[in-house]
């Protein structure tokens, strides 16, 4: 699904939901303490070649230029879950709003596991 952006009668720009999901996934991967994105949020578009890894664990809904993001993540052992989650929410929200111009209403995080240090 794509969303249109009016660009002052020059034409339109369409942003696919996959692109917003990719932005969210890349932003999440940059947060210290995020071990991995989980693969348990179903999304048929993730199955496309080249899209699976970049949108893994990310689901986006866009209604009237307002985005809701659901992330399923594994955190690294030793990180404070509430603090890391807040940083993750802020980073994903800022990345999507900056790159798309859409408003992000919610960034929901589901912690699906803890990545233990090697050897433990």
Protein backbone atom coordinates (compact mmCIF):
# COMPACT_ATOMS: atom_id res chain seq x y z
CA UNK A 1 0.00 0.00 0.00
CA UNK A 2 1.25 3.48 -0.78
CA UNK A 3 0.47 6.91 0.66
CA UNK A 4 0.50 10.07 -1.44
CA UNK A 5 2.15 13.33 -0.52
CA UNK A 6 0.99 16.51 -2.27
CA UNK A 7 4.02 18.50 -3.40
CA UNK A 8 2.55 21.91 -4.28
CA UNK A 9 1.03 20.98 -7.65
CA UNK A 10 4.36 19.84 -9.08
CA UNK A 11 3.24 16.25 -8.75
CA UNK A 12 2.85 13.58 -6.12
CA UNK A 13 5.22 11.40 -4.18
CA UNK A 14 4.03 7.97 -3.08
CA UNK A 15 5.66 6.20 -0.14
CA UNK A 16 5.06 2.48 0.21
CA UNK A 17 4.40 1.02 3.66
CA UNK A 18 7.47 -1.16 3.10
CA UNK A 19 9.64 1.95 2.94
CA UNK A 20 8.31 3.22 6.27
CA UNK A 21 8.87 -0.24 7.80
CA UNK A 22 12.42 -0.27 6.44
CA UNK A 23 13.13 3.16 7.97
CA UNK A 24 11.81 1.92 11.33
CA UNK A 25 13.88 -1.27 11.18
CA UNK A 26 17.09 0.53 10.30
CA UNK A 27 16.56 3.13 13.04
CA UNK A 28 15.87 0.38 15.59
CA UNK A 29 19.03 -1.49 14.63
CA UNK A 30 21.11 1.59 15.52
CA UNK A 31 19.96 1.63 19.16
CA UNK A 32 22.46 0.24 21.68
CA UNK A 33 20.98 -2.77 23.42
CA UNK A 34 18.81 -3.95 20.55
CA UNK A 35 20.16 -7.41 19.80
CA UNK A 36 17.95 -8.24 16.85
CA UNK A 37 14.60 -7.67 15.29
CA UNK A 38 12.30 -10.66 15.75
CA UNK A 39 10.64 -12.36 12.84
CA UNK A 40 7.31 -13.12 14.43
CA UNK A 41 5.17 -10.24 13.13
CA UNK A 42 3.54 -11.63 9.98
CA UNK A 43 3.71 -9.49 6.88
CA UNK A 44 3.41 -10.90 3.38
CA UNK A 45 5.55 -8.10 1.97
CA UNK A 46 8.48 -9.22 4.13
CA UNK A 47 8.71 -12.34 2.05
CA UNK A 48 9.79 -10.40 -1.05
CA UNK A 49 13.38 -10.84 -2.08
CA UNK A 50 15.60 -8.22 -0.45
CA UNK A 51 12.93 -6.99 1.95
CA UNK A 52 12.93 -9.76 4.54
CA UNK A 53 15.87 -8.62 6.64
CA UNK A 54 15.18 -4.90 6.46
CA UNK A 55 11.57 -5.12 7.64
CA UNK A 56 11.88 -8.13 9.93
CA UNK A 57 9.97 -7.59 13.17
CA UNK A 58 8.33 -4.38 11.95
CA UNK A 59 4.68 -3.76 11.16
CA UNK A 60 3.39 -0.34 10.12
CA UNK A 61 -0.10 0.99 9.64
CA UNK A 62 -0.61 4.33 7.92
CA UNK A 63 -3.97 6.06 8.07
CA UNK A 64 -4.30 9.65 6.81
CA UNK A 65 -0.55 10.39 7.08
CA UNK A 66 -0.46 9.07 10.67
CA UNK A 67 1.79 6.08 11.33
CA UNK A 68 1.52 3.38 13.97
CA UNK A 69 4.58 1.14 14.31
CA UNK A 70 4.80 -2.26 16.02
CA UNK A 71 8.29 -3.60 16.69
CA UNK A 72 9.25 -7.04 17.97
CA UNK A 73 12.81 -6.99 19.31
CA UNK A 74 15.34 -9.03 21.19
CA UNK A 75 17.37 -6.96 23.65
CA UNK A 76 20.93 -7.62 24.69
CA UNK A 77 21.45 -8.84 28.24
CA UNK A 78 22.34 -6.14 30.77
CA UNK A 79 20.46 -3.24 29.22
CA UNK A 80 17.67 -1.50 31.12
CA UNK A 81 14.46 -2.49 29.34
CA UNK A 82 12.37 0.66 29.99
CA UNK A 83 15.25 3.04 29.18
CA UNK A 84 16.26 1.16 26.03
CA UNK A 85 12.63 0.95 24.90
CA UNK A 86 12.19 4.72 25.31
CA UNK A 87 15.32 5.42 23.26
CA UNK A 88 14.08 2.97 20.64
CA UNK A 89 10.66 4.64 20.46
CA UNK A 90 12.19 8.12 20.16
CA UNK A 91 14.69 7.09 17.47
CA UNK A 92 12.12 5.28 15.32
CA UNK A 93 9.59 8.12 15.64
CA UNK A 94 12.19 10.76 14.72
CA UNK A 95 13.51 8.77 11.74
CA UNK A 96 10.07 8.21 10.22
CA UNK A 97 8.88 11.78 10.80
CA UNK A 98 12.10 13.29 9.43
CA UNK A 99 12.30 11.11 6.34
CA UNK A 100 8.62 10.93 5.37
CA UNK A 101 6.88 13.96 6.85
CA UNK A 102 4.26 11.64 8.34
CA UNK A 103 3.19 11.95 11.97
CA UNK A 104 3.98 8.95 14.18
CA UNK A 105 1.26 8.41 16.77
CA UNK A 106 2.53 5.19 18.36
CA UNK A 107 5.69 3.10 18.47
CA UNK A 108 4.71 -0.11 20.23
CA UNK A 109 7.51 -2.41 21.34
CA UNK A 110 7.23 -6.07 22.17
CA UNK A 111 10.30 -7.60 23.81
CA UNK A 112 10.41 -11.20 22.57
CA UNK A 113 13.72 -12.27 24.07
CA UNK A 114 17.04 -11.42 25.64
CA UNK A 115 20.27 -12.08 23.78
CA UNK A 116 22.79 -13.56 26.19
CA UNK A 117 26.51 -12.80 25.90
CA UNK A 118 28.54 -15.38 23.97
CA UNK A 119 29.63 -18.30 26.10
CA UNK A 120 26.62 -18.16 28.44
